[in-house]
Every structure is written in structure tokens, then in C-alpha cells.
Amino acid sequence: MSGTIHACCGNFRDGIWFCYVRLCCGHYHHRNLMFYKNEIPLPNNDKTIEDVLTGWFGDYESLEEDPLYFYWLFPSRTVRSNLYQQTLTNHEAREIKTDILLKSRVHRAFTMMLDFFGIHLSDDGHFKLADNFWFRRGIFEQ
């Protein structure tokens, strides 16, 4: 699918990325959903959601460098003035909630961010301080 997007819209970095990505068939798809389906990368570093979830878990330096990924891992229905962020639509939210793979990516993103803050989600659904909590807390207090 990404080949079709590039053929129709050119490079993601040429400015077309900031509006809906248009496919050759003329339909518009929402970027949040396309990102969660691993069809498009983050606009600033060409990392897909799988790249972020597999490569950045525990890589606190990468997570601290550029907070833009946060808007993509946790899209909001709140309208913001961030050019890189698209407001989450009802359609996207429904599809993410009903698709097993997309729901698992939300869970993995949540787990990654908890780890980033030094918190662990146990199998029984309770939050616990991770072994690195005091170290992580110290970084945020600086």
C-alpha cells in the first residue's frame, strides 16, 4: 500500500503529508489509522509504529529526543494546532478498538510509555513501580 501512496502523493516530506494522504482510487484515509496499520511512518523520522514499538522500548534516549511520536501513539479527539498531528476521528477510534492487531499496538504503546516513566503494568492489571522508577523519576525532576 505504501507504494501506491508514494506514487500518487510523492514523498511524504514534500508537504503533502500534512493533509490527508490520498490514494490513487480517490479515497481519503486518515493518517492515525494508517500509522497504526503500519502503512505510513512518523512524519519527522520515517519510523513506523512497529519500528517505534520494537526498537524504542527501553531506549529512553530516543523517547526523550523528540516527543512527536507521542501524538501518534496516543492520538486524541482534541483539536490541536500541531501540524504533525491529526485529530482522531470516530471512524479511526472504532476501527482501532475492533481490530485485534491495532488494539495490541495500543497496549504495547501504553506499556512502553509506562516503562519510560518507571511504571510496570502487572498481568492482573495493577500498576507497580518498576525497578528503575527512582532513576527515571530523578531524570524528570531535573
C-alpha atoms as a PDB file:
ATOM      1  CA  MET A   1       0.000   0.000   0.000  1.00  0.00           C
ATOM      2  CA  SER A   2       2.791   2.465   0.750  1.00  0.00           C
ATOM      3  CA  GLY A   3       3.975   2.184  -2.861  1.00  0.00           C
ATOM      4  CA  THR A   4       0.570   3.377  -4.015  1.00  0.00           C
ATOM      5  CA  ILE A   5       0.691   6.299  -1.614  1.00  0.00           C
ATOM      6  CA  HIS A   6       4.138   7.363  -2.790  1.00  0.00           C
ATOM      7  CA  ALA A   7       3.158   7.007  -6.456  1.00  0.00           C
ATOM      8  CA  CYS A   8       0.127   9.252  -6.024  1.00  0.00           C
ATOM      9  CA  CYS A   9       1.360  11.770  -3.500  1.00  0.00           C
ATOM     10  CA  GLY A  10       5.086  11.901  -3.896  1.00  0.00           C
ATOM     11  CA  ASN A  11       7.442  11.864  -0.979  1.00  0.00           C
ATOM     12  CA  PHE A  12       5.920  12.213   2.489  1.00  0.00           C
ATOM     13  CA  ARG A  13       8.346  15.041   3.217  1.00  0.00           C
ATOM     14  CA  ASP A  14       7.203  17.270   0.347  1.00  0.00           C
ATOM     15  CA  GLY A  15       4.363  18.845   2.326  1.00  0.00           C
ATOM     16  CA  ILE A  16       1.544  16.603   1.132  1.00  0.00           C
ATOM     17  CA  TRP A  17       1.998  14.627   4.335  1.00  0.00           C
ATOM     18  CA  PHE A  18       0.318  17.403   6.300  1.00  0.00           C
ATOM     19  CA  CYS A  19      -3.082  16.803   4.785  1.00  0.00           C
ATOM     20  CA  TYR A  20      -4.942  13.545   4.290  1.00  0.00           C
ATOM     21  CA  VAL A  21      -2.974  11.049   2.285  1.00  0.00           C
ATOM     22  CA  ARG A  22      -4.790  10.439  -0.981  1.00  0.00           C
ATOM     23  CA  LEU A  23      -4.724   7.071  -2.677  1.00  0.00           C
ATOM     24  CA  CYS A  24      -4.975   6.586  -6.436  1.00  0.00           C
ATOM     25  CA  CYS A  25      -8.562   5.396  -6.113  1.00  0.00           C
ATOM     26  CA  GLY A  26      -9.542   8.864  -4.845  1.00  0.00           C
ATOM     27  CA  HIS A  27     -10.476   7.810  -1.308  1.00  0.00           C
ATOM     28  CA  TYR A  28      -9.104   9.607   1.706  1.00  0.00           C
ATOM     29  CA  HIS A  29      -7.781   7.609   4.616  1.00  0.00           C
ATOM     30  CA  HIS A  30      -6.972   9.008   7.994  1.00  0.00           C
ATOM     31  CA  ARG A  31      -3.332   9.192   8.969  1.00  0.00           C
ATOM     32  CA  ASN A  32      -3.792   7.942  12.557  1.00  0.00           C
ATOM     33  CA  LEU A  33      -5.300   4.720  11.294  1.00  0.00           C
ATOM     34  CA  MET A  34      -2.719   4.362   8.539  1.00  0.00           C
ATOM     35  CA  PHE A  35       0.051   4.844  11.114  1.00  0.00           C
ATOM     36  CA  TYR A  36      -1.481   2.224  13.421  1.00  0.00           C
ATOM     37  CA  LYS A  37      -1.780  -0.160  10.465  1.00  0.00           C
ATOM     38  CA  ASN A  38       1.972   0.351   9.872  1.00  0.00           C
ATOM     39  CA  GLU A  39       1.267   1.841   6.423  1.00  0.00           C
ATOM     40  CA  ILE A  40       2.919   5.241   6.938  1.00  0.00           C
ATOM     41  CA  PRO A  41       5.837   6.411   9.095  1.00  0.00           C
ATOM     42  CA  LEU A  42       6.126   9.253  11.558  1.00  0.00           C
ATOM     43  CA  PRO A  43       6.485  12.483   9.592  1.00  0.00           C
ATOM     44  CA  ASN A  44       9.766  13.568  11.149  1.00  0.00           C
ATOM     45  CA  ASN A  45      11.915  10.428  11.180  1.00  0.00           C
ATOM     46  CA  ASP A  46      10.396   7.788   8.892  1.00  0.00           C
ATOM     47  CA  LYS A  47       9.813   5.295  11.744  1.00  0.00           C
ATOM     48  CA  THR A  48       6.695   3.148  11.505  1.00  0.00           C
ATOM     49  CA  ILE A  49       4.721   2.167  14.577  1.00  0.00           C
ATOM     50  CA  GLU A  50       6.416  -1.236  14.592  1.00  0.00           C
ATOM     51  CA  ASP A  51       9.837   0.443  14.404  1.00  0.00           C
ATOM     52  CA  VAL A  52       8.942   2.535  17.450  1.00  0.00           C
ATOM     53  CA  LEU A  53       7.346  -0.271  19.467  1.00  0.00           C
ATOM     54  CA  THR A  54      10.110  -2.794  18.826  1.00  0.00           C
ATOM     55  CA  GLY A  55      13.141  -0.534  18.601  1.00  0.00           C
ATOM     56  CA  TRP A  56      12.434   2.129  21.202  1.00  0.00           C
ATOM     57  CA  PHE A  57      11.119   0.073  24.123  1.00  0.00           C
ATOM     58  CA  GLY A  58      13.637   0.776  26.885  1.00  0.00           C
ATOM     59  CA  ASP A  59      15.555   3.186  24.639  1.00  0.00           C
ATOM     60  CA  TYR A  60      14.874   6.224  26.795  1.00  0.00           C
ATOM     61  CA  GLU A  61      17.219   8.457  24.843  1.00  0.00           C
ATOM     62  CA  SER A  62      15.209   8.006  21.633  1.00  0.00           C
ATOM     63  CA  LEU A  63      11.953   8.516  23.525  1.00  0.00           C
ATOM     64  CA  GLU A  64      13.259  11.717  25.125  1.00  0.00           C
ATOM     65  CA  GLU A  65      14.749  13.201  21.940  1.00  0.00           C
ATOM     66  CA  ASP A  66      11.569  14.044  20.098  1.00  0.00           C
ATOM     67  CA  PRO A  67       8.131  13.883  21.730  1.00  0.00           C
ATOM     68  CA  LEU A  68       6.282  13.980  18.383  1.00  0.00           C
ATOM     69  CA  TYR A  69       5.840  10.193  18.382  1.00  0.00           C
ATOM     70  CA  PHE A  70       3.644  10.559  21.481  1.00  0.00           C
ATOM     71  CA  TYR A  71       0.909  12.301  19.451  1.00  0.00           C
ATOM     72  CA  TRP A  72       0.906   9.370  17.037  1.00  0.00           C
ATOM     73  CA  LEU A  73       0.952   6.570  19.609  1.00  0.00           C
ATOM     74  CA  PHE A  74      -1.853   8.241  21.557  1.00  0.00           C
ATOM     75  CA  PRO A  75      -3.970  10.265  19.116  1.00  0.00           C
ATOM     76  CA  SER A  76      -6.610  12.481  20.675  1.00  0.00           C
ATOM     77  CA  ARG A  77     -10.009  13.768  19.654  1.00  0.00           C
ATOM     78  CA  THR A  78      -8.910  17.175  20.911  1.00  0.00           C
ATOM     79  CA  VAL A  79      -8.104  19.589  18.103  1.00  0.00           C
ATOM     80  CA  ARG A  80      -4.552  20.898  18.428  1.00  0.00           C
ATOM     81  CA  SER A  81      -2.509  23.355  16.439  1.00  0.00           C
ATOM     82  CA  ASN A  82       0.301  20.852  15.858  1.00  0.00           C
ATOM     83  CA  LEU A  83       0.797  20.481  12.095  1.00  0.00           C
ATOM     84  CA  TYR A  84       2.075  16.933  12.512  1.00  0.00           C
ATOM     85  CA  GLN A  85      -0.934  15.709  14.438  1.00  0.00           C
ATOM     86  CA  GLN A  86      -4.332  14.773  13.101  1.00  0.00           C
ATOM     87  CA  THR A  87      -7.360  14.700  15.371  1.00  0.00           C
ATOM     88  CA  LEU A  88      -8.575  11.153  15.972  1.00  0.00           C
ATOM     89  CA  THR A  89     -11.875  10.534  14.213  1.00  0.00           C
ATOM     90  CA  ASN A  90     -14.725   8.345  15.451  1.00  0.00           C
ATOM     91  CA  HIS A  91     -14.142   6.021  12.496  1.00  0.00           C
ATOM     92  CA  GLU A  92     -10.470   5.590  13.411  1.00  0.00           C
ATOM     93  CA  ALA A  93     -11.262   5.016  17.088  1.00  0.00           C
ATOM     94  CA  ARG A  94     -13.860   2.355  16.217  1.00  0.00           C
ATOM     95  CA  GLU A  95     -11.512   0.540  13.868  1.00  0.00           C
ATOM     96  CA  ILE A  96      -8.627   0.593  16.350  1.00  0.00           C
ATOM     97  CA  LYS A  97     -10.918  -0.725  19.109  1.00  0.00           C
ATOM     98  CA  THR A  98     -12.254  -3.578  16.983  1.00  0.00           C
ATOM     99  CA  ASP A  99      -9.058  -4.737  15.265  1.00  0.00           C
ATOM    100  CA  ILE A 100      -7.025  -7.189  17.376  1.00  0.00           C
ATOM    101  CA  LEU A 101      -3.658  -6.167  15.905  1.00  0.00           C
ATOM    102  CA  LEU A 102      -4.340  -2.447  16.312  1.00  0.00           C
ATOM    103  CA  LYS A 103      -5.564  -2.954  19.895  1.00  0.00           C
ATOM    104  CA  SER A 104      -2.388  -4.875  20.673  1.00  0.00           C
ATOM    105  CA  ARG A 105      -0.335  -1.960  19.333  1.00  0.00           C
ATOM    106  CA  VAL A 106      -2.203   0.426  21.654  1.00  0.00           C
ATOM    107  CA  HIS A 107      -1.430  -1.897  24.582  1.00  0.00           C
ATOM    108  CA  ARG A 108       2.235  -2.166  23.571  1.00  0.00           C
ATOM    109  CA  ALA A 109       2.471   1.635  23.241  1.00  0.00           C
ATOM    110  CA  PHE A 110       0.908   2.071  26.683  1.00  0.00           C
ATOM    111  CA  THR A 111       3.294  -0.486  28.187  1.00  0.00           C
ATOM    112  CA  MET A 112       6.265   1.251  26.544  1.00  0.00           C
ATOM    113  CA  MET A 113       5.265   4.635  27.955  1.00  0.00           C
ATOM    114  CA  LEU A 114       4.709   3.194  31.428  1.00  0.00           C
ATOM    115  CA  ASP A 115       8.213   1.719  31.237  1.00  0.00           C
ATOM    116  CA  PHE A 116       9.522   5.115  30.156  1.00  0.00           C
ATOM    117  CA  PHE A 117       8.079   6.619  33.351  1.00  0.00           C
ATOM    118  CA  GLY A 118       9.344   3.747  35.525  1.00  0.00           C
ATOM    119  CA  ILE A 119       6.000   2.026  35.989  1.00  0.00           C
ATOM    120  CA  HIS A 120       5.081  -1.580  35.285  1.00  0.00           C
ATOM    121  CA  LEU A 121       1.645  -2.974  34.441  1.00  0.00           C
ATOM    122  CA  SER A 122       1.271  -6.408  36.005  1.00  0.00           C
ATOM    123  CA  ASP A 123      -0.675  -9.262  34.435  1.00  0.00           C
ATOM    124  CA  ASP A 124      -3.532  -8.691  36.892  1.00  0.00           C
ATOM    125  CA  GLY A 125      -3.916  -5.088  35.683  1.00  0.00           C
ATOM    126  CA  HIS A 126      -2.294  -3.345  38.640  1.00  0.00           C
ATOM    127  CA  PHE A 127       0.403  -0.717  38.356  1.00  0.00           C
ATOM    128  CA  LYS A 128       3.702  -1.214  40.171  1.00  0.00           C
ATOM    129  CA  LEU A 129       6.854   0.821  40.413  1.00  0.00           C
ATOM    130  CA  ALA A 130       9.455  -0.671  38.108  1.00  0.00           C
ATOM    131  CA  ASP A 131      12.982  -1.427  39.293  1.00  0.00           C
ATOM    132  CA  ASN A 132      14.179   1.723  37.538  1.00  0.00           C
ATOM    133  CA  PHE A 133      11.444   4.002  38.935  1.00  0.00           C
ATOM    134  CA  TRP A 134      13.659   6.112  41.205  1.00  0.00           C
ATOM    135  CA  PHE A 135      16.211   6.573  38.448  1.00  0.00           C
ATOM    136  CA  ARG A 136      13.536   7.561  35.918  1.00  0.00           C
ATOM    137  CA  ARG A 137      11.859   9.870  38.451  1.00  0.00           C
ATOM    138  CA  GLY A 138      15.174  11.609  39.063  1.00  0.00           C
ATOM    139  CA  ILE A 139      15.540  12.338  35.353  1.00  0.00           C
ATOM    140  CA  PHE A 140      12.133  14.026  35.213  1.00  0.00           C
ATOM    141  CA  GLU A 141      12.857  16.143  38.298  1.00  0.00           C
ATOM    142  CA  GLN A 142      15.966  17.701  36.740  1.00  0.00           C
END
